[in-house]
Amino acid sequence: MPWSLLAKAMAISLIETLILELGFATFWGVRGRKDLQWVILVNVLTNPIVVFTYYYVRIRHFPVNYSIVTLVLETFAVVTEALIYQKKAETVGKPWVFSLSVNAFSFAVGELMNQIS
């Protein structure tokens, strides 16, 4: 995959993730500009790392189980985001449950979108 296509895929992934997770956060009851900014910030921090690493492993054809790679990367995102929400967010109730739920939701929708396209 050329780097330009990877950059495009990463940008699309981040935009889709932000839309999905901001919507989920609002439904969850996250209120306030500051906490919604935290939702954006944690995704700007974790999404590019997860997406780049996954594609890099795929592009290099490393002999690994890609499901395990995905699990490790998504666990990294959930833990990182939960720790930030726990420390910084004021209206994110149950930050660990929220982080797991919002990431599971956006991952599942992303997988569904990939199956459709």
C-alpha atoms as a PDB file:
ATOM      1  CA  MET A   1       0.000   0.000   0.000  1.00  0.00           C
ATOM      2  CA  PRO A   2       1.482   3.341  -0.981  1.00  0.00           C
ATOM      3  CA  TRP A   3       2.014   5.808   1.855  1.00  0.00           C
ATOM      4  CA  SER A   4      -0.502   8.227   0.314  1.00  0.00           C
ATOM      5  CA  LEU A   5      -3.213   5.566   0.492  1.00  0.00           C
ATOM      6  CA  LEU A   6      -2.225   4.756   4.070  1.00  0.00           C
ATOM      7  CA  ALA A   7      -2.474   8.431   5.023  1.00  0.00           C
ATOM      8  CA  LYS A   8      -5.909   8.630   3.389  1.00  0.00           C
ATOM      9  CA  ALA A   9      -7.076   5.469   5.183  1.00  0.00           C
ATOM     10  CA  MET A  10      -5.811   6.841   8.488  1.00  0.00           C
ATOM     11  CA  ALA A  11      -7.601  10.169   7.974  1.00  0.00           C
ATOM     12  CA  ILE A  12     -10.867   8.458   7.053  1.00  0.00           C
ATOM     13  CA  SER A  13     -10.577   6.137  10.044  1.00  0.00           C
ATOM     14  CA  LEU A  14      -9.988   9.042  12.418  1.00  0.00           C
ATOM     15  CA  ILE A  15     -12.903  11.081  11.054  1.00  0.00           C
ATOM     16  CA  GLU A  16     -15.275   8.104  11.219  1.00  0.00           C
ATOM     17  CA  THR A  17     -14.086   7.268  14.735  1.00  0.00           C
ATOM     18  CA  LEU A  18     -14.588  10.834  15.927  1.00  0.00           C
ATOM     19  CA  ILE A  19     -18.128  10.969  14.535  1.00  0.00           C
ATOM     20  CA  LEU A  20     -19.071   7.598  16.028  1.00  0.00           C
ATOM     21  CA  GLU A  21     -17.459   8.138  19.414  1.00  0.00           C
ATOM     22  CA  LEU A  22     -18.748  11.682  19.864  1.00  0.00           C
ATOM     23  CA  GLY A  23     -22.244  10.428  19.076  1.00  0.00           C
ATOM     24  CA  PHE A  24     -21.831   7.525  21.487  1.00  0.00           C
ATOM     25  CA  ALA A  25     -20.462   9.836  24.182  1.00  0.00           C
ATOM     26  CA  THR A  26     -23.452  12.133  23.845  1.00  0.00           C
ATOM     27  CA  PHE A  27     -25.806   9.164  24.088  1.00  0.00           C
ATOM     28  CA  TRP A  28     -23.834   7.936  27.133  1.00  0.00           C
ATOM     29  CA  GLY A  29     -24.491  11.276  28.815  1.00  0.00           C
ATOM     30  CA  VAL A  30     -21.127  12.950  28.423  1.00  0.00           C
ATOM     31  CA  ARG A  31     -21.790  16.646  28.686  1.00  0.00           C
ATOM     32  CA  GLY A  32     -19.735  19.738  28.610  1.00  0.00           C
ATOM     33  CA  ARG A  33     -17.398  21.082  26.037  1.00  0.00           C
ATOM     34  CA  LYS A  34     -14.303  20.038  27.985  1.00  0.00           C
ATOM     35  CA  ASP A  35     -15.277  16.358  28.228  1.00  0.00           C
ATOM     36  CA  LEU A  36     -16.291  16.214  24.574  1.00  0.00           C
ATOM     37  CA  GLN A  37     -12.883  17.689  23.777  1.00  0.00           C
ATOM     38  CA  TRP A  38     -11.330  14.840  25.785  1.00  0.00           C
ATOM     39  CA  VAL A  39     -13.219  12.371  23.569  1.00  0.00           C
ATOM     40  CA  ILE A  40     -11.662  14.047  20.540  1.00  0.00           C
ATOM     41  CA  LEU A  41      -8.192  14.264  22.084  1.00  0.00           C
ATOM     42  CA  VAL A  42      -7.979  10.634  23.198  1.00  0.00           C
ATOM     43  CA  ASN A  43      -8.985   9.496  19.732  1.00  0.00           C
ATOM     44  CA  VAL A  44      -6.508  11.814  18.032  1.00  0.00           C
ATOM     45  CA  LEU A  45      -3.912  10.242  20.312  1.00  0.00           C
ATOM     46  CA  THR A  46      -4.818   6.547  19.984  1.00  0.00           C
ATOM     47  CA  ASN A  47      -6.495   6.087  16.589  1.00  0.00           C
ATOM     48  CA  PRO A  48      -3.506   6.967  14.378  1.00  0.00           C
ATOM     49  CA  ILE A  49      -1.222   4.703  16.434  1.00  0.00           C
ATOM     50  CA  VAL A  50      -3.643   1.777  16.215  1.00  0.00           C
ATOM     51  CA  VAL A  51      -4.426   2.202  12.516  1.00  0.00           C
ATOM     52  CA  PHE A  52      -0.818   2.822  11.451  1.00  0.00           C
ATOM     53  CA  THR A  53       0.507  -0.132  13.446  1.00  0.00           C
ATOM     54  CA  TYR A  54      -2.160  -2.475  12.102  1.00  0.00           C
ATOM     55  CA  TYR A  55      -1.546  -1.471   8.486  1.00  0.00           C
ATOM     56  CA  TYR A  56       2.232  -1.564   8.963  1.00  0.00           C
ATOM     57  CA  VAL A  57       2.034  -5.136  10.246  1.00  0.00           C
ATOM     58  CA  ARG A  58      -0.225  -6.068   7.308  1.00  0.00           C
ATOM     59  CA  ILE A  59       1.922  -4.301   4.693  1.00  0.00           C
ATOM     60  CA  ARG A  60       5.093  -5.981   5.946  1.00  0.00           C
ATOM     61  CA  HIS A  61       3.316  -9.361   5.952  1.00  0.00           C
ATOM     62  CA  PHE A  62       4.588 -10.247   9.380  1.00  0.00           C
ATOM     63  CA  PRO A  63       3.778 -13.885  10.182  1.00  0.00           C
ATOM     64  CA  VAL A  64       1.354 -13.123  12.996  1.00  0.00           C
ATOM     65  CA  ASN A  65      -2.272 -13.756  13.814  1.00  0.00           C
ATOM     66  CA  TYR A  66      -3.958 -10.505  12.791  1.00  0.00           C
ATOM     67  CA  SER A  67      -6.801 -11.076  15.246  1.00  0.00           C
ATOM     68  CA  ILE A  68      -4.284 -11.052  18.090  1.00  0.00           C
ATOM     69  CA  VAL A  69      -2.655  -7.916  16.686  1.00  0.00           C
ATOM     70  CA  THR A  70      -6.080  -6.267  16.600  1.00  0.00           C
ATOM     71  CA  LEU A  71      -6.846  -7.379  20.155  1.00  0.00           C
ATOM     72  CA  VAL A  72      -3.549  -5.989  21.463  1.00  0.00           C
ATOM     73  CA  LEU A  73      -3.989  -2.679  19.641  1.00  0.00           C
ATOM     74  CA  GLU A  74      -7.604  -2.254  20.733  1.00  0.00           C
ATOM     75  CA  THR A  75      -6.637  -3.105  24.318  1.00  0.00           C
ATOM     76  CA  PHE A  76      -3.989  -0.395  24.145  1.00  0.00           C
ATOM     77  CA  ALA A  77      -6.656   2.087  22.990  1.00  0.00           C
ATOM     78  CA  VAL A  78      -9.180   1.080  25.659  1.00  0.00           C
ATOM     79  CA  VAL A  79      -6.670   1.243  28.511  1.00  0.00           C
ATOM     80  CA  THR A  80      -5.076   4.510  27.371  1.00  0.00           C
ATOM     81  CA  GLU A  81      -8.424   6.199  26.862  1.00  0.00           C
ATOM     82  CA  ALA A  82      -9.889   4.890  30.137  1.00  0.00           C
ATOM     83  CA  LEU A  83      -6.915   6.186  32.109  1.00  0.00           C
ATOM     84  CA  ILE A  84      -7.265   9.631  30.544  1.00  0.00           C
ATOM     85  CA  TYR A  85     -11.030   9.725  31.086  1.00  0.00           C
ATOM     86  CA  GLN A  86     -10.570   8.586  34.672  1.00  0.00           C
ATOM     87  CA  LYS A  87      -8.044  11.323  35.381  1.00  0.00           C
ATOM     88  CA  LYS A  88      -9.384  14.232  33.319  1.00  0.00           C
ATOM     89  CA  ALA A  89     -13.071  13.860  32.419  1.00  0.00           C
ATOM     90  CA  GLU A  90     -15.779  15.147  34.726  1.00  0.00           C
ATOM     91  CA  THR A  91     -18.967  13.771  33.147  1.00  0.00           C
ATOM     92  CA  VAL A  92     -17.771  10.399  31.854  1.00  0.00           C
ATOM     93  CA  GLY A  93     -19.423   7.994  34.235  1.00  0.00           C
ATOM     94  CA  LYS A  94     -17.618   4.672  34.688  1.00  0.00           C
ATOM     95  CA  PRO A  95     -14.649   5.595  32.481  1.00  0.00           C
ATOM     96  CA  TRP A  96     -13.426   1.998  32.078  1.00  0.00           C
ATOM     97  CA  VAL A  97     -16.856   0.737  31.023  1.00  0.00           C
ATOM     98  CA  PHE A  98     -17.297   3.784  28.813  1.00  0.00           C
ATOM     99  CA  SER A  99     -13.923   3.288  27.123  1.00  0.00           C
ATOM    100  CA  LEU A 100     -14.552  -0.403  26.480  1.00  0.00           C
ATOM    101  CA  SER A 101     -18.095   0.250  25.237  1.00  0.00           C
ATOM    102  CA  VAL A 102     -17.290   3.186  22.967  1.00  0.00           C
ATOM    103  CA  ASN A 103     -14.321   1.371  21.436  1.00  0.00           C
ATOM    104  CA  ALA A 104     -16.313  -1.837  20.929  1.00  0.00           C
ATOM    105  CA  PHE A 105     -19.064   0.200  19.276  1.00  0.00           C
ATOM    106  CA  SER A 106     -16.775   2.087  16.897  1.00  0.00           C
ATOM    107  CA  PHE A 107     -14.778  -1.059  16.104  1.00  0.00           C
ATOM    108  CA  ALA A 108     -17.951  -3.030  15.308  1.00  0.00           C
ATOM    109  CA  VAL A 109     -19.356  -0.262  13.104  1.00  0.00           C
ATOM    110  CA  GLY A 110     -15.997   0.054  11.358  1.00  0.00           C
ATOM    111  CA  GLU A 111     -15.904  -3.680  10.685  1.00  0.00           C
ATOM    112  CA  LEU A 112     -19.455  -3.533   9.332  1.00  0.00           C
ATOM    113  CA  MET A 113     -18.543  -0.608   7.082  1.00  0.00           C
ATOM    114  CA  ASN A 114     -15.502  -2.521   5.810  1.00  0.00           C
ATOM    115  CA  GLN A 115     -17.692  -5.518   4.986  1.00  0.00           C
ATOM    116  CA  ILE A 116     -20.129  -3.339   3.042  1.00  0.00           C
ATOM    117  CA  SER A 117     -17.495  -1.466   1.018  1.00  0.00           C
END
